[in-house]
Amino acid sequence: MIKKQSKRFLSAVVSVIMLVSLLPSFVFAADGIPKINEENGAYIIEDVKDLVWFGDQITTGISNKINAELANDIDLSGTSWTAISYPSSAGVSAAFAGTFDGKGHLVKGLNINTTNSNQGFFGYVNGGTIKNLRVEGDVYSSGNFVGGIVGNMKSGTIENCSFSG
């Protein structure tokens, strides 16, 4: 009788351990947080939802040194895009300072039409790197500092990128 109870107990413990090991992936998906590339710590941007989440981390002041990489081409058509910038109350030191690697993928359908300054896919970059990114779309603004990839860059690097629009 004791052996059967021990086996059942051991089986229950193994089952719980297996469920707990899967828990981070369930929590991850439920929170809407993109996956992380374990090799380099960058968030993996797979779709519009992930891209919006990434932009929100910077524009809301949560983290400006966040790194990300695209896993797919992304179509922003029909999405109201807000340039990835810094919170107006935070100042330039809170502008994007991480690395965004497009991995050669295309973000198409970018549409910005505003009177604000610092407009583009990234509105303001200060110490960040944007690389291997292709962007297509339209950026209209009567404000200052407007571009396709980056509207305004205090310091940083743009490498192997293109814009069409």
N, C-alpha and C. Protein backbone atom coordinates (compact mmCIF):
# COMPACT_ATOMS: atom_id res chain seq x y z
N MET A 1 0.83 -1.20 0.00
CA MET A 1 0.00 0.00 0.00
C MET A 1 0.87 1.25 0.00
N ILE A 2 1.95 1.23 0.77
CA ILE A 2 2.81 2.40 0.85
C ILE A 2 3.48 2.67 -0.48
N LYS A 3 3.89 1.64 -1.19
CA LYS A 3 4.54 1.82 -2.49
C LYS A 3 3.58 2.49 -3.48
N LYS A 4 2.30 2.07 -3.49
CA LYS A 4 1.32 2.67 -4.39
C LYS A 4 1.11 4.14 -4.05
N GLN A 5 1.04 4.47 -2.76
CA GLN A 5 0.89 5.87 -2.35
C GLN A 5 2.12 6.67 -2.72
N SER A 6 3.29 6.09 -2.57
CA SER A 6 4.54 6.78 -2.93
C SER A 6 4.58 7.06 -4.42
N LYS A 7 4.17 6.06 -5.21
CA LYS A 7 4.17 6.25 -6.66
C LYS A 7 3.17 7.34 -7.06
N ARG A 8 1.99 7.33 -6.45
CA ARG A 8 0.98 8.36 -6.74
C ARG A 8 1.50 9.74 -6.34
N PHE A 9 2.09 9.80 -5.16
CA PHE A 9 2.64 11.07 -4.68
C PHE A 9 3.73 11.56 -5.63
N LEU A 10 4.65 10.67 -6.00
CA LEU A 10 5.73 11.04 -6.91
C LEU A 10 5.17 11.48 -8.26
N SER A 11 4.17 10.77 -8.73
CA SER A 11 3.53 11.13 -9.99
C SER A 11 2.88 12.52 -9.90
N ALA A 12 2.22 12.79 -8.79
CA ALA A 12 1.59 14.10 -8.60
C ALA A 12 2.65 15.21 -8.54
N VAL A 13 3.76 14.96 -7.86
CA VAL A 13 4.84 15.95 -7.76
C VAL A 13 5.42 16.23 -9.14
N VAL A 14 5.67 15.19 -9.91
CA VAL A 14 6.22 15.36 -11.27
C VAL A 14 5.23 16.16 -12.13
N SER A 15 3.95 15.86 -12.01
CA SER A 15 2.93 16.60 -12.77
C SER A 15 2.93 18.09 -12.41
N VAL A 16 3.01 18.38 -11.13
CA VAL A 16 3.03 19.78 -10.68
C VAL A 16 4.28 20.48 -11.21
N ILE A 17 5.42 19.80 -11.13
CA ILE A 17 6.67 20.40 -11.63
C ILE A 17 6.55 20.69 -13.12
N MET A 18 5.99 19.78 -13.88
CA MET A 18 5.83 20.01 -15.32
C MET A 18 4.91 21.20 -15.58
N LEU A 19 3.82 21.29 -14.85
CA LEU A 19 2.90 22.42 -15.03
C LEU A 19 3.56 23.74 -14.66
N VAL A 20 4.32 23.75 -13.57
CA VAL A 20 4.99 24.97 -13.15
C VAL A 20 6.04 25.39 -14.18
N SER A 21 6.73 24.40 -14.78
CA SER A 21 7.73 24.75 -15.79
C SER A 21 7.10 25.38 -17.02
N LEU A 22 5.84 25.07 -17.29
CA LEU A 22 5.14 25.67 -18.42
C LEU A 22 4.52 27.02 -18.07
N LEU A 23 4.39 27.30 -16.81
CA LEU A 23 3.71 28.51 -16.35
C LEU A 23 4.29 29.79 -16.94
N PRO A 24 5.61 29.98 -17.00
CA PRO A 24 6.10 31.24 -17.56
C PRO A 24 5.60 31.51 -18.98
N SER A 25 5.49 30.45 -19.81
CA SER A 25 5.02 30.69 -21.17
C SER A 25 3.55 31.10 -21.18
N PHE A 26 2.74 30.55 -20.27
CA PHE A 26 1.34 30.96 -20.19
C PHE A 26 1.24 32.39 -19.68
N VAL A 27 1.97 32.71 -18.64
CA VAL A 27 1.96 34.07 -18.08
C VAL A 27 2.46 35.04 -19.12
N PHE A 28 3.52 34.67 -19.81
CA PHE A 28 4.11 35.50 -20.84
C PHE A 28 3.07 35.89 -21.87
N ALA A 29 2.36 34.90 -22.39
CA ALA A 29 1.36 35.17 -23.42
C ALA A 29 0.18 35.96 -22.85
N ALA A 30 -0.22 35.67 -21.63
CA ALA A 30 -1.35 36.35 -21.03
C ALA A 30 -1.06 37.82 -20.79
N ASP A 31 0.18 38.14 -20.47
CA ASP A 31 0.56 39.52 -20.21
C ASP A 31 0.73 40.33 -21.49
N GLY A 32 0.81 39.67 -22.64
CA GLY A 32 1.01 40.37 -23.90
C GLY A 32 2.43 40.84 -24.09
N ILE A 33 3.36 40.26 -23.35
CA ILE A 33 4.77 40.65 -23.47
C ILE A 33 5.41 39.76 -24.52
N PRO A 34 6.15 40.34 -25.47
CA PRO A 34 6.81 39.51 -26.48
C PRO A 34 7.82 38.55 -25.86
N LYS A 35 8.12 37.51 -26.62
CA LYS A 35 9.14 36.55 -26.20
C LYS A 35 10.50 37.25 -26.16
N ILE A 36 11.43 36.63 -25.45
CA ILE A 36 12.79 37.18 -25.36
C ILE A 36 13.76 36.21 -26.02
N ASN A 37 14.66 36.75 -26.83
CA ASN A 37 15.74 35.97 -27.41
C ASN A 37 16.74 35.70 -26.29
N GLU A 38 16.86 34.45 -25.88
CA GLU A 38 17.71 34.12 -24.74
C GLU A 38 19.19 34.34 -25.02
N GLU A 39 19.58 34.39 -26.30
CA GLU A 39 20.99 34.60 -26.65
C GLU A 39 21.43 36.04 -26.40
N ASN A 40 20.54 37.00 -26.71
CA ASN A 40 20.96 38.40 -26.60
C ASN A 40 20.05 39.26 -25.72
N GLY A 41 18.99 38.69 -25.18
CA GLY A 41 18.10 39.43 -24.28
C GLY A 41 17.14 40.38 -24.96
N ALA A 42 17.10 40.38 -26.30
CA ALA A 42 16.20 41.28 -27.03
C ALA A 42 14.79 40.71 -27.09
N TYR A 43 13.81 41.59 -27.01
CA TYR A 43 12.42 41.18 -27.21
C TYR A 43 12.22 40.85 -28.68
N ILE A 44 11.50 39.77 -28.95
CA ILE A 44 11.25 39.33 -30.32
C ILE A 44 9.89 39.88 -30.74
N ILE A 45 9.91 40.78 -31.71
CA ILE A 45 8.70 41.43 -32.20
C ILE A 45 8.17 40.63 -33.38
N GLU A 46 7.00 39.99 -33.16
CA GLU A 46 6.43 39.12 -34.19
C GLU A 46 5.25 39.73 -34.93
N ASP A 47 4.57 40.72 -34.31
CA ASP A 47 3.37 41.26 -34.93
C ASP A 47 3.13 42.70 -34.44
N VAL A 48 2.06 43.29 -34.92
CA VAL A 48 1.74 44.68 -34.57
C VAL A 48 1.59 44.84 -33.06
N LYS A 49 0.93 43.89 -32.42
CA LYS A 49 0.71 43.96 -30.97
C LYS A 49 2.05 44.04 -30.23
N ASP A 50 3.01 43.21 -30.63
CA ASP A 50 4.34 43.25 -30.01
C ASP A 50 5.03 44.58 -30.26
N LEU A 51 4.88 45.10 -31.48
CA LEU A 51 5.53 46.36 -31.83
C LEU A 51 4.95 47.52 -31.03
N VAL A 52 3.64 47.53 -30.87
CA VAL A 52 2.98 48.57 -30.06
C VAL A 52 3.46 48.46 -28.60
N TRP A 53 3.54 47.24 -28.09
CA TRP A 53 4.03 47.03 -26.72
C TRP A 53 5.45 47.60 -26.58
N PHE A 54 6.31 47.30 -27.54
CA PHE A 54 7.68 47.80 -27.51
C PHE A 54 7.69 49.33 -27.47
N GLY A 55 6.94 49.96 -28.38
CA GLY A 55 6.89 51.42 -28.42
C GLY A 55 6.37 52.01 -27.13
N ASP A 56 5.38 51.37 -26.54
CA ASP A 56 4.80 51.86 -25.28
C ASP A 56 5.81 51.85 -24.14
N GLN A 57 6.74 50.91 -24.15
CA GLN A 57 7.75 50.85 -23.09
C GLN A 57 8.58 52.13 -23.07
N ILE A 58 8.82 52.70 -24.24
CA ILE A 58 9.63 53.91 -24.34
C ILE A 58 8.77 55.16 -24.16
N THR A 59 7.65 55.22 -24.89
CA THR A 59 6.83 56.44 -24.85
C THR A 59 6.15 56.67 -23.50
N THR A 60 6.00 55.62 -22.71
CA THR A 60 5.42 55.80 -21.38
C THR A 60 6.48 55.94 -20.29
N GLY A 61 7.74 55.81 -20.67
CA GLY A 61 8.83 55.99 -19.70
C GLY A 61 9.18 54.76 -18.90
N ILE A 62 8.68 53.59 -19.28
CA ILE A 62 9.01 52.37 -18.54
C ILE A 62 10.48 52.00 -18.73
N SER A 63 10.96 52.00 -19.97
CA SER A 63 12.37 51.70 -20.23
C SER A 63 12.76 52.25 -21.59
N ASN A 64 13.83 53.01 -21.64
CA ASN A 64 14.29 53.54 -22.92
C ASN A 64 15.51 52.77 -23.44
N LYS A 65 16.04 51.84 -22.64
CA LYS A 65 17.22 51.08 -23.06
C LYS A 65 16.84 49.64 -23.42
N ILE A 66 15.64 49.46 -23.83
CA ILE A 66 15.10 48.16 -24.19
C ILE A 66 15.61 47.76 -25.59
N ASN A 67 15.89 46.48 -25.78
CA ASN A 67 16.36 45.98 -27.07
C ASN A 67 15.29 45.10 -27.69
N ALA A 68 15.20 45.15 -29.02
CA ALA A 68 14.20 44.35 -29.73
C ALA A 68 14.71 43.97 -31.10
N GLU A 69 14.12 42.92 -31.64
CA GLU A 69 14.43 42.49 -33.00
C GLU A 69 13.15 42.00 -33.66
N LEU A 70 13.04 42.27 -34.95
CA LEU A 70 11.86 41.81 -35.70
C LEU A 70 12.04 40.35 -36.09
N ALA A 71 10.96 39.59 -36.00
CA ALA A 71 10.96 38.19 -36.43
C ALA A 71 10.24 38.03 -37.76
N ASN A 72 9.47 39.04 -38.14
CA ASN A 72 8.64 38.98 -39.36
C ASN A 72 8.49 40.38 -39.94
N ASP A 73 8.03 40.44 -41.20
CA ASP A 73 7.56 41.70 -41.73
C ASP A 73 6.29 42.06 -40.96
N ILE A 74 6.06 43.36 -40.80
CA ILE A 74 4.88 43.81 -40.05
C ILE A 74 4.12 44.85 -40.87
N ASP A 75 2.81 44.70 -40.94
CA ASP A 75 1.95 45.62 -41.68
C ASP A 75 1.18 46.49 -40.69
N LEU A 76 1.50 47.78 -40.69
CA LEU A 76 0.83 48.73 -39.80
C LEU A 76 -0.42 49.36 -40.43
N SER A 77 -0.79 48.94 -41.63
CA SER A 77 -1.96 49.50 -42.30
C SER A 77 -3.16 49.44 -41.38
N GLY A 78 -3.84 50.56 -41.25
CA GLY A 78 -5.01 50.63 -40.39
C GLY A 78 -4.68 50.84 -38.92
N THR A 79 -3.40 50.92 -38.60
CA THR A 79 -2.97 51.14 -37.21
C THR A 79 -2.58 52.60 -37.05
N SER A 80 -3.08 53.23 -36.02
CA SER A 80 -2.69 54.60 -35.73
C SER A 80 -1.33 54.54 -35.03
N TRP A 81 -0.30 54.93 -35.72
CA TRP A 81 1.06 54.80 -35.18
C TRP A 81 1.50 56.08 -34.49
N THR A 82 2.02 55.94 -33.30
CA THR A 82 2.62 57.04 -32.57
C THR A 82 4.12 56.83 -32.60
N ALA A 83 4.84 57.84 -33.05
CA ALA A 83 6.30 57.72 -33.13
C ALA A 83 6.87 57.27 -31.79
N ILE A 84 7.83 56.34 -31.84
CA ILE A 84 8.48 55.86 -30.62
C ILE A 84 9.39 56.97 -30.13
N SER A 85 9.04 57.57 -29.03
CA SER A 85 9.77 58.72 -28.52
C SER A 85 9.84 58.63 -27.01
N TYR A 86 9.95 59.76 -26.35
CA TYR A 86 10.03 59.78 -24.89
C TYR A 86 8.83 60.52 -24.34
N PRO A 87 8.48 60.27 -23.09
CA PRO A 87 7.36 61.01 -22.50
C PRO A 87 7.70 62.49 -22.45
N SER A 88 6.77 63.34 -22.82
CA SER A 88 7.05 64.78 -22.87
C SER A 88 7.52 65.33 -21.53
N SER A 89 7.12 64.70 -20.45
CA SER A 89 7.53 65.19 -19.13
C SER A 89 8.93 64.71 -18.74
N ALA A 90 9.47 63.74 -19.47
CA ALA A 90 10.74 63.12 -19.06
C ALA A 90 11.98 63.80 -19.62
N GLY A 91 11.88 64.39 -20.79
CA GLY A 91 13.04 65.02 -21.40
C GLY A 91 13.84 64.06 -22.27
N VAL A 92 14.77 64.62 -23.00
CA VAL A 92 15.54 63.92 -24.01
C VAL A 92 16.32 62.73 -23.44
N SER A 93 16.73 62.80 -22.19
CA SER A 93 17.50 61.69 -21.61
C SER A 93 16.69 60.39 -21.56
N ALA A 94 15.37 60.48 -21.72
CA ALA A 94 14.51 59.29 -21.71
C ALA A 94 14.20 58.78 -23.11
N ALA A 95 14.81 59.38 -24.14
CA ALA A 95 14.59 58.95 -25.52
C ALA A 95 15.20 57.57 -25.74
N PHE A 96 14.85 56.92 -26.84
CA PHE A 96 15.30 55.56 -27.12
C PHE A 96 16.82 55.47 -27.11
N ALA A 97 17.33 54.53 -26.30
CA ALA A 97 18.77 54.34 -26.17
C ALA A 97 19.15 52.87 -26.26
N GLY A 98 18.24 52.04 -26.72
CA GLY A 98 18.52 50.61 -26.86
C GLY A 98 18.93 50.27 -28.28
N THR A 99 18.76 49.01 -28.64
CA THR A 99 19.05 48.54 -30.00
C THR A 99 17.79 47.93 -30.58
N PHE A 100 17.46 48.36 -31.80
CA PHE A 100 16.34 47.79 -32.53
C PHE A 100 16.90 47.20 -33.81
N ASP A 101 16.86 45.87 -33.93
CA ASP A 101 17.39 45.18 -35.11
C ASP A 101 16.23 44.66 -35.93
N GLY A 102 16.06 45.24 -37.10
CA GLY A 102 14.98 44.82 -37.99
C GLY A 102 15.22 43.48 -38.65
N LYS A 103 16.45 42.97 -38.57
CA LYS A 103 16.81 41.67 -39.15
C LYS A 103 16.46 41.60 -40.64
N GLY A 104 16.45 42.77 -41.32
CA GLY A 104 16.15 42.83 -42.74
C GLY A 104 14.66 42.82 -43.05
N HIS A 105 13.83 42.81 -42.04
CA HIS A 105 12.38 42.78 -42.25
C HIS A 105 11.82 44.16 -42.58
N LEU A 106 10.61 44.16 -43.09
CA LEU A 106 9.92 45.36 -43.53
C LEU A 106 8.77 45.71 -42.59
N VAL A 107 8.71 46.97 -42.19
CA VAL A 107 7.52 47.50 -41.52
C VAL A 107 6.84 48.38 -42.56
N LYS A 108 5.66 47.96 -43.01
CA LYS A 108 4.97 48.72 -44.04
C LYS A 108 3.68 49.29 -43.49
N GLY A 109 3.14 50.27 -44.22
CA GLY A 109 1.88 50.86 -43.81
C GLY A 109 2.02 51.91 -42.72
N LEU A 110 3.26 52.39 -42.47
CA LEU A 110 3.45 53.45 -41.49
C LEU A 110 2.68 54.68 -41.96
N ASN A 111 1.86 55.24 -41.09
CA ASN A 111 1.09 56.42 -41.45
C ASN A 111 1.07 57.37 -40.26
N ILE A 112 1.75 58.49 -40.42
CA ILE A 112 1.78 59.53 -39.39
C ILE A 112 1.34 60.82 -40.05
N ASN A 113 0.36 61.48 -39.47
CA ASN A 113 -0.12 62.76 -39.97
C ASN A 113 -0.40 63.63 -38.75
N THR A 114 0.50 64.57 -38.47
CA THR A 114 0.42 65.33 -37.23
C THR A 114 1.04 66.72 -37.41
N THR A 115 0.88 67.54 -36.43
CA THR A 115 1.56 68.83 -36.41
C THR A 115 2.73 68.81 -35.42
N ASN A 116 2.95 67.68 -34.76
CA ASN A 116 4.01 67.57 -33.76
C ASN A 116 5.39 67.42 -34.39
N SER A 117 6.40 67.82 -33.65
CA SER A 117 7.80 67.63 -34.06
C SER A 117 8.27 66.24 -33.67
N ASN A 118 9.46 65.88 -34.13
CA ASN A 118 10.10 64.60 -33.81
C ASN A 118 9.23 63.42 -34.26
N GLN A 119 8.98 63.34 -35.54
CA GLN A 119 8.09 62.32 -36.08
C GLN A 119 8.82 61.39 -37.04
N GLY A 120 8.54 60.13 -36.94
CA GLY A 120 9.06 59.07 -37.79
C GLY A 120 8.70 57.76 -37.13
N PHE A 121 9.22 56.66 -37.65
CA PHE A 121 8.99 55.39 -36.97
C PHE A 121 9.48 55.52 -35.53
N PHE A 122 10.70 56.04 -35.36
CA PHE A 122 11.20 56.49 -34.06
C PHE A 122 11.14 58.00 -34.08
N GLY A 123 10.56 58.60 -33.06
CA GLY A 123 10.46 60.05 -33.01
C GLY A 123 11.76 60.70 -32.56
N TYR A 124 12.35 60.15 -31.51
CA TYR A 124 13.58 60.74 -30.96
C TYR A 124 14.47 59.62 -30.45
N VAL A 125 15.74 59.67 -30.85
CA VAL A 125 16.72 58.68 -30.42
C VAL A 125 17.87 59.42 -29.76
N ASN A 126 18.28 58.89 -28.61
CA ASN A 126 19.41 59.48 -27.90
C ASN A 126 20.30 58.34 -27.39
N GLY A 127 21.28 57.95 -28.21
CA GLY A 127 22.19 56.88 -27.84
C GLY A 127 21.77 55.51 -28.32
N GLY A 128 20.70 55.42 -29.07
CA GLY A 128 20.21 54.13 -29.54
C GLY A 128 20.79 53.71 -30.87
N THR A 129 20.53 52.48 -31.24
CA THR A 129 20.96 51.93 -32.53
C THR A 129 19.75 51.32 -33.22
N ILE A 130 19.54 51.71 -34.46
CA ILE A 130 18.51 51.11 -35.30
C ILE A 130 19.24 50.53 -36.50
N LYS A 131 19.05 49.24 -36.74
CA LYS A 131 19.80 48.61 -37.83
C LYS A 131 18.96 47.57 -38.57
N ASN A 132 19.35 47.34 -39.81
CA ASN A 132 18.75 46.28 -40.65
C ASN A 132 17.24 46.38 -40.74
N LEU A 133 16.75 47.59 -40.88
CA LEU A 133 15.30 47.84 -40.88
C LEU A 133 14.88 48.51 -42.18
N ARG A 134 13.77 48.03 -42.74
CA ARG A 134 13.15 48.67 -43.90
C ARG A 134 11.77 49.15 -43.47
N VAL A 135 11.45 50.40 -43.82
CA VAL A 135 10.15 50.97 -43.47
C VAL A 135 9.54 51.57 -44.73
N GLU A 136 8.24 51.35 -44.92
CA GLU A 136 7.49 51.95 -46.01
C GLU A 136 6.26 52.62 -45.43
N GLY A 137 5.94 53.80 -45.95
CA GLY A 137 4.74 54.49 -45.49
C GLY A 137 4.81 55.97 -45.73
N ASP A 138 4.00 56.71 -45.00
CA ASP A 138 3.90 58.16 -45.16
C ASP A 138 4.04 58.84 -43.80
N VAL A 139 4.89 59.86 -43.78
CA VAL A 139 5.07 60.63 -42.56
C VAL A 139 4.87 62.10 -42.92
N TYR A 140 3.80 62.68 -42.41
CA TYR A 140 3.48 64.09 -42.65
C TYR A 140 3.47 64.82 -41.32
N SER A 141 4.14 65.95 -41.28
CA SER A 141 4.09 66.79 -40.08
C SER A 141 4.48 68.21 -40.45
N SER A 142 3.80 69.17 -39.85
CA SER A 142 4.19 70.57 -40.02
C SER A 142 5.19 70.97 -38.94
N GLY A 143 5.51 70.03 -38.05
CA GLY A 143 6.50 70.28 -37.00
C GLY A 143 7.92 70.10 -37.51
N ASN A 144 8.87 70.30 -36.63
CA ASN A 144 10.28 70.14 -36.97
C ASN A 144 10.73 68.70 -36.77
N PHE A 145 11.82 68.35 -37.41
CA PHE A 145 12.47 67.05 -37.23
C PHE A 145 11.56 65.88 -37.60
N VAL A 146 11.47 65.64 -38.89
CA VAL A 146 10.60 64.60 -39.42
C VAL A 146 11.42 63.70 -40.35
N GLY A 147 11.28 62.40 -40.19
CA GLY A 147 11.98 61.44 -41.05
C GLY A 147 11.22 60.13 -41.10
N GLY A 148 11.65 59.26 -41.98
CA GLY A 148 10.98 57.97 -42.10
C GLY A 148 11.37 57.00 -41.00
N ILE A 149 12.67 56.83 -40.79
CA ILE A 149 13.16 55.92 -39.75
C ILE A 149 13.21 56.65 -38.41
N VAL A 150 13.86 57.81 -38.38
CA VAL A 150 14.01 58.60 -37.14
C VAL A 150 13.73 60.07 -37.46
N GLY A 151 12.91 60.69 -36.63
CA GLY A 151 12.64 62.11 -36.80
C GLY A 151 13.78 62.97 -36.29
N ASN A 152 14.30 62.64 -35.11
CA ASN A 152 15.35 63.45 -34.48
C ASN A 152 16.29 62.52 -33.73
N MET A 153 17.59 62.73 -33.93
CA MET A 153 18.58 61.90 -33.27
C MET A 153 19.63 62.79 -32.63
N LYS A 154 19.71 62.74 -31.30
CA LYS A 154 20.75 63.48 -30.60
C LYS A 154 22.08 62.76 -30.73
N SER A 155 22.06 61.45 -30.51
CA SER A 155 23.24 60.61 -30.74
C SER A 155 22.75 59.20 -30.99
N GLY A 156 23.57 58.41 -31.63
CA GLY A 156 23.19 57.04 -31.91
C GLY A 156 23.64 56.61 -33.28
N THR A 157 23.09 55.49 -33.74
CA THR A 157 23.51 54.89 -35.01
C THR A 157 22.30 54.40 -35.78
N ILE A 158 22.28 54.71 -37.05
CA ILE A 158 21.33 54.12 -37.99
C ILE A 158 22.18 53.39 -39.01
N GLU A 159 21.96 52.10 -39.13
CA GLU A 159 22.85 51.27 -39.95
C GLU A 159 22.02 50.31 -40.81
N ASN A 160 22.30 50.33 -42.11
CA ASN A 160 21.68 49.38 -43.03
C ASN A 160 20.14 49.45 -42.99
N CYS A 161 19.62 50.68 -43.03
CA CYS A 161 18.17 50.91 -43.00
C CYS A 161 17.72 51.63 -44.27
N SER A 162 16.45 51.49 -44.60
CA SER A 162 15.89 52.21 -45.74
C SER A 162 14.46 52.62 -45.45
N PHE A 163 14.07 53.72 -46.10
CA PHE A 163 12.69 54.18 -46.01
C PHE A 163 12.18 54.48 -47.39
N SER A 164 10.96 54.10 -47.64
CA SER A 164 10.30 54.40 -48.91
C SER A 164 8.92 54.95 -48.58
N GLY A 165 8.63 56.13 -49.13
CA GLY A 165 7.33 56.70 -48.85
C GLY A 165 7.24 58.13 -49.26
